Amino acid sequence: MTLIAILIGTIGAGVGSVWLAALLSFAMLARYTQHMLSLAAGALLATAFMHLLPEAFEGQVAAHELFATLLAGLVFFFLLDKAELWHHGHEHHQEPHDHSQGHGHAHHHHHHEKTSGGWAVIAGDSVHAFGDGILIASAFLADMRLGVVAALAVLAHEVPHHMGDLIVLRQTSGTQRTALLKVSLAGTVTAIGGLLGYWLLSSLEGYLPYFLVIASSSFVYVALADLIPQLQKRLGLRETATQVAWLALGIGGVTLVSGLAHWH
């Protein structure tokens, strides 16, 4: 019975939060693309700095080790980004170089450089979802009602940053359906974390801070290397204020929901 409850709770939290985020983000994306990029950057940064990292540092792992993991994660996602760009450029190097194709390739390559954080988002989401699954499993093992509250809390606090993930992947993938599929698949990793947590909770618990820090490094990298550079444009005072307001909204949304989840 407990195992079934863990499966229902983890799938509901991991995938349900993605679909709820999709309803909110894609409805606004077409009209407010730049605003959504600001919202996504704020949500990812707040998820990393206001939720994941504080939880990681509450554990028994030394701060030096966690900071080293954070640094290693940032370097890893940078190298992953470089490998993706190199692979992209290598594929197109073999194409004919007439004027029209050359122009199309230059435009596409520029677009790819601006939105090449897709793999980092998926990797970070998967690691984060795995950690969420372990947390939900531990709550269900302690008390069934606590498990339900934990699953609902995870669903709630995942929605704001999944909105950011979907916006990033929508820019990278080109279609809403592909973005939704990728983030949903990452969300199913919550169930894997729940299953492993059910069987191996005592041995995996010590590694949870590392999982949280690695997920944080992916979100920080995507926000700072991919999203914010797209927002660094010369704008008027009103447009800049609007941009900052949407960034603050992303930060505030995640901070508020995470705070409520921890309070419950």
Protein backbone atom coordinates (compact mmCIF):
# COMPACT_ATOMS: atom_id res chain seq x y z
CA MET A 1 0.00 0.00 0.00
CA THR A 2 2.80 2.43 0.89
CA LEU A 3 4.65 1.68 -2.35
CA ILE A 4 1.50 2.37 -4.42
CA ALA A 5 0.97 5.63 -2.55
CA ILE A 6 4.59 6.63 -3.26
CA LEU A 7 4.15 5.90 -6.98
CA ILE A 8 0.91 7.91 -7.17
CA GLY A 9 2.40 10.77 -5.17
CA THR A 10 5.64 10.99 -7.14
CA ILE A 11 4.03 10.75 -10.58
CA GLY A 12 1.37 13.25 -9.59
CA ALA A 13 3.95 15.70 -8.27
CA GLY A 14 6.57 15.16 -10.99
CA VAL A 15 4.37 15.11 -14.10
CA GLY A 16 1.35 16.98 -12.75
CA SER A 17 3.48 20.03 -11.96
CA VAL A 18 4.79 20.04 -15.54
CA TRP A 19 1.33 20.02 -17.09
CA LEU A 20 0.06 22.70 -14.73
CA ALA A 21 3.11 24.83 -15.57
CA ALA A 22 2.42 24.26 -19.29
CA LEU A 23 -1.13 25.55 -18.93
CA LEU A 24 0.19 28.72 -17.32
CA SER A 25 3.33 29.38 -19.37
CA PHE A 26 2.22 28.51 -22.92
CA ALA A 27 -0.92 30.57 -22.53
CA MET A 28 1.27 33.63 -21.94
CA LEU A 29 4.28 32.76 -24.09
CA ALA A 30 2.99 33.89 -27.47
CA ARG A 31 2.18 37.43 -26.35
CA TYR A 32 4.88 37.97 -23.74
CA THR A 33 8.00 36.12 -24.89
CA GLN A 34 10.53 38.57 -23.45
CA HIS A 35 8.58 38.84 -20.20
CA MET A 36 8.49 35.06 -19.95
CA LEU A 37 12.28 34.89 -20.39
CA SER A 38 12.66 37.30 -17.45
CA LEU A 39 10.20 35.24 -15.42
CA ALA A 40 12.07 32.04 -16.29
CA ALA A 41 15.44 33.49 -15.27
CA GLY A 42 14.04 34.66 -11.94
CA ALA A 43 12.31 31.33 -11.29
CA LEU A 44 15.41 29.25 -12.04
CA LEU A 45 17.71 31.44 -9.93
CA ALA A 46 15.26 31.47 -7.03
CA THR A 47 14.80 27.70 -7.23
CA ALA A 48 18.56 27.25 -6.99
CA PHE A 49 19.42 29.87 -4.36
CA MET A 50 16.24 29.99 -2.25
CA HIS A 51 15.20 26.34 -2.29
CA LEU A 52 17.75 23.75 -3.47
CA LEU A 53 20.98 25.13 -2.01
CA PRO A 54 19.53 25.93 1.44
CA GLU A 55 18.15 22.38 1.64
CA ALA A 56 21.52 20.96 0.60
CA PHE A 57 23.39 22.95 3.25
CA GLU A 58 20.98 21.78 5.95
CA GLY A 59 22.49 18.30 5.61
CA GLN A 60 25.62 16.88 7.20
CA VAL A 61 27.92 17.42 4.19
CA ALA A 62 30.71 19.98 4.62
CA ALA A 63 30.18 23.33 2.90
CA HIS A 64 33.53 23.00 1.11
CA GLU A 65 32.42 19.77 -0.56
CA LEU A 66 29.09 21.25 -1.64
CA PHE A 67 30.71 24.36 -3.10
CA ALA A 68 33.18 22.14 -4.95
CA THR A 69 30.24 20.14 -6.32
CA LEU A 70 28.53 23.36 -7.38
CA LEU A 71 31.66 24.52 -9.20
CA ALA A 72 32.11 21.13 -10.87
CA GLY A 73 28.48 21.20 -11.97
CA LEU A 74 28.82 24.65 -13.54
CA VAL A 75 31.95 23.57 -15.42
CA PHE A 76 30.25 20.34 -16.53
CA PHE A 77 27.23 22.15 -17.98
CA PHE A 78 29.55 24.65 -19.68
CA LEU A 79 31.43 21.77 -21.33
CA LEU A 80 28.13 20.09 -22.23
CA ASP A 81 27.02 23.32 -23.86
CA LYS A 82 30.30 23.59 -25.79
CA ALA A 83 30.01 19.97 -26.97
CA GLU A 84 26.46 20.59 -28.18
CA LEU A 85 27.54 23.71 -30.09
CA TRP A 86 30.56 21.90 -31.56
CA HIS A 87 28.39 18.99 -32.69
CA HIS A 88 25.91 21.40 -34.24
CA GLY A 89 28.63 23.28 -36.13
CA HIS A 90 30.30 20.03 -37.28
CA GLU A 91 27.03 18.74 -38.75
CA HIS A 92 26.50 21.86 -40.84
CA HIS A 93 30.09 22.11 -41.96
CA GLN A 94 29.38 19.54 -44.67
CA GLU A 95 26.49 21.47 -46.23
CA PRO A 96 26.79 23.36 -49.54
CA HIS A 97 27.66 26.99 -48.99
CA ASP A 98 25.50 28.89 -51.44
CA HIS A 99 24.31 32.33 -50.47
CA SER A 100 20.83 31.36 -49.26
CA GLN A 101 21.97 28.34 -47.28
CA GLY A 102 24.85 30.26 -45.76
CA HIS A 103 22.48 32.95 -44.59
CA GLY A 104 20.08 30.36 -43.13
CA HIS A 105 22.91 28.54 -41.37
CA ALA A 106 24.27 31.72 -39.85
CA HIS A 107 20.84 32.66 -38.55
CA HIS A 108 20.16 29.18 -37.17
CA HIS A 109 23.55 28.92 -35.53
CA HIS A 110 23.06 32.28 -33.86
CA HIS A 111 19.67 31.15 -32.58
CA HIS A 112 21.20 27.93 -31.29
CA GLU A 113 23.90 29.79 -29.40
CA LYS A 114 21.23 31.88 -27.69
CA THR A 115 19.15 28.88 -26.60
CA SER A 116 21.61 26.04 -26.14
CA GLY A 117 20.78 25.38 -22.50
CA GLY A 118 18.17 22.72 -23.22
CA TRP A 119 20.25 19.73 -22.16
CA ALA A 120 21.31 21.46 -18.96
CA VAL A 121 17.66 22.12 -18.10
CA ILE A 122 16.68 18.48 -18.72
CA ALA A 123 19.66 17.16 -16.74
CA GLY A 124 18.99 19.53 -13.87
CA ASP A 125 15.29 18.71 -13.87
CA SER A 126 16.03 14.98 -13.79
CA VAL A 127 18.44 15.29 -10.85
CA HIS A 128 16.03 17.59 -9.02
CA ALA A 129 13.10 15.24 -9.71
CA PHE A 130 15.11 12.29 -8.40
CA GLY A 131 15.75 14.15 -5.16
CA ASP A 132 12.07 15.11 -4.90
CA GLY A 133 11.14 11.44 -5.29
CA ILE A 134 13.39 10.48 -2.39
CA LEU A 135 11.89 13.25 -0.24
CA ILE A 136 8.32 12.13 -1.03
CA ALA A 137 9.18 8.49 -0.34
CA SER A 138 10.72 9.36 3.02
CA ALA A 139 7.60 11.33 3.97
CA PHE A 140 5.26 8.45 3.04
CA LEU A 141 7.41 6.00 4.98
CA ALA A 142 7.16 8.24 8.03
CA ASP A 143 3.40 8.86 7.80
CA MET A 144 0.84 8.49 5.00
CA ARG A 145 -0.71 11.92 5.61
CA LEU A 146 2.73 13.53 5.69
CA GLY A 147 3.48 11.88 2.35
CA VAL A 148 0.36 13.39 0.77
CA VAL A 149 1.29 16.85 2.08
CA ALA A 150 4.86 16.42 0.82
CA ALA A 151 3.66 15.37 -2.65
CA LEU A 152 1.33 18.38 -2.86
CA ALA A 153 4.11 20.69 -1.64
CA VAL A 154 6.51 19.36 -4.28
CA LEU A 155 3.86 19.80 -6.98
CA ALA A 156 3.25 23.39 -5.87
CA HIS A 157 6.87 24.49 -5.65
CA GLU A 158 7.80 22.80 -8.94
CA VAL A 159 5.26 24.75 -11.00
CA PRO A 160 7.05 28.14 -11.07
CA HIS A 161 10.43 26.78 -12.14
CA HIS A 162 8.87 24.29 -14.60
CA MET A 163 7.38 27.34 -16.27
CA GLY A 164 10.95 28.55 -16.73
CA ASP A 165 12.07 25.15 -18.02
CA LEU A 166 9.28 24.99 -20.58
CA ILE A 167 10.05 28.47 -21.84
CA VAL A 168 13.74 27.62 -22.29
CA LEU A 169 12.96 24.34 -24.08
CA ARG A 170 10.27 26.01 -26.19
CA GLN A 171 12.97 28.37 -27.45
CA THR A 172 15.38 25.48 -28.03
CA SER A 173 13.07 22.83 -29.44
CA GLY A 174 10.87 25.08 -31.53
CA THR A 175 7.58 23.45 -30.54
CA GLN A 176 5.50 23.43 -27.39
CA ARG A 177 4.77 19.71 -27.74
CA THR A 178 8.47 18.76 -27.80
CA ALA A 179 9.22 20.99 -24.83
CA LEU A 180 6.31 19.52 -22.87
CA LEU A 181 7.38 15.96 -23.70
CA LYS A 182 10.99 16.54 -22.59
CA VAL A 183 10.09 18.16 -19.29
CA SER A 184 7.40 15.53 -18.64
CA LEU A 185 9.93 12.74 -19.16
CA ALA A 186 12.27 14.47 -16.72
CA GLY A 187 9.34 14.70 -14.30
CA THR A 188 8.85 10.92 -14.39
CA VAL A 189 12.28 10.57 -12.78
CA THR A 190 10.48 11.60 -9.59
CA ALA A 191 8.89 8.14 -9.57
CA ILE A 192 12.31 6.50 -10.02
CA GLY A 193 13.59 8.47 -7.04
CA GLY A 194 10.53 7.41 -5.09
CA LEU A 195 11.06 3.72 -5.90
CA LEU A 196 14.75 3.77 -5.06
CA GLY A 197 14.00 5.82 -1.98
CA TYR A 198 11.52 3.19 -0.83
CA TRP A 199 14.08 0.38 -1.15
CA LEU A 200 17.33 2.17 -0.40
CA LEU A 201 16.40 5.27 1.59
CA SER A 202 18.97 4.77 4.32
CA SER A 203 21.89 4.49 1.88
CA LEU A 204 20.76 7.26 -0.52
CA GLU A 205 19.91 9.85 2.10
CA GLY A 206 23.53 10.89 2.53
CA TYR A 207 23.83 11.71 -1.18
CA LEU A 208 20.75 13.93 -1.34
CA PRO A 209 22.70 17.20 -0.71
CA TYR A 210 24.92 16.42 -3.71
CA PHE A 211 21.85 15.81 -5.91
CA LEU A 212 20.39 19.14 -4.82
CA VAL A 213 23.63 21.04 -5.55
CA ILE A 214 24.04 19.48 -9.00
CA ALA A 215 20.46 20.44 -9.87
CA SER A 216 21.20 23.96 -8.59
CA SER A 217 24.27 24.27 -10.82
CA SER A 218 22.21 23.45 -13.91
CA PHE A 219 19.57 26.08 -13.13
CA VAL A 220 22.17 28.75 -12.31
CA TYR A 221 24.06 28.00 -15.51
CA VAL A 222 20.97 28.18 -17.73
CA ALA A 223 19.78 31.42 -16.14
CA LEU A 224 23.14 33.21 -16.28
CA ALA A 225 24.58 31.80 -19.50
CA ASP A 226 21.46 31.46 -21.63
CA LEU A 227 18.49 33.53 -20.45
CA ILE A 228 19.94 36.70 -18.95
CA PRO A 229 22.25 37.38 -21.96
CA GLN A 230 19.08 37.49 -24.10
CA LEU A 231 17.72 40.18 -21.79
CA GLN A 232 20.88 42.32 -21.91
CA LYS A 233 19.58 44.82 -24.43
CA ARG A 234 19.62 48.60 -24.46
CA LEU A 235 16.08 49.47 -23.42
CA GLY A 236 14.23 52.51 -22.22
CA LEU A 237 13.48 53.08 -18.55
CA ARG A 238 9.93 51.75 -18.82
CA GLU A 239 10.95 48.57 -20.67
CA THR A 240 13.81 47.97 -18.21
CA ALA A 241 11.48 48.40 -15.25
CA THR A 242 9.04 45.91 -16.80
CA GLN A 243 11.86 43.44 -17.38
CA VAL A 244 13.03 43.73 -13.77
CA ALA A 245 9.45 43.39 -12.54
CA TRP A 246 8.98 40.07 -14.38
CA LEU A 247 12.35 38.88 -13.08
CA ALA A 248 11.26 39.78 -9.55
CA LEU A 249 7.93 38.03 -10.14
CA GLY A 250 9.76 34.80 -11.01
CA ILE A 251 11.92 35.09 -7.90
CA GLY A 252 8.99 36.03 -5.68
CA GLY A 253 6.76 33.23 -6.97
CA VAL A 254 9.27 30.49 -6.23
CA THR A 255 10.27 32.02 -2.89
CA LEU A 256 6.65 32.31 -1.77
CA VAL A 257 5.63 28.81 -2.79
CA SER A 258 8.79 27.23 -1.36
CA GLY A 259 8.25 29.09 1.89
CA LEU A 260 4.67 27.86 2.14
CA ALA A 261 5.78 24.31 1.33
CA HIS A 262 8.42 24.38 4.10
CA TRP A 263 5.95 25.92 6.53
CA HIS A 264 3.46 23.11 5.95
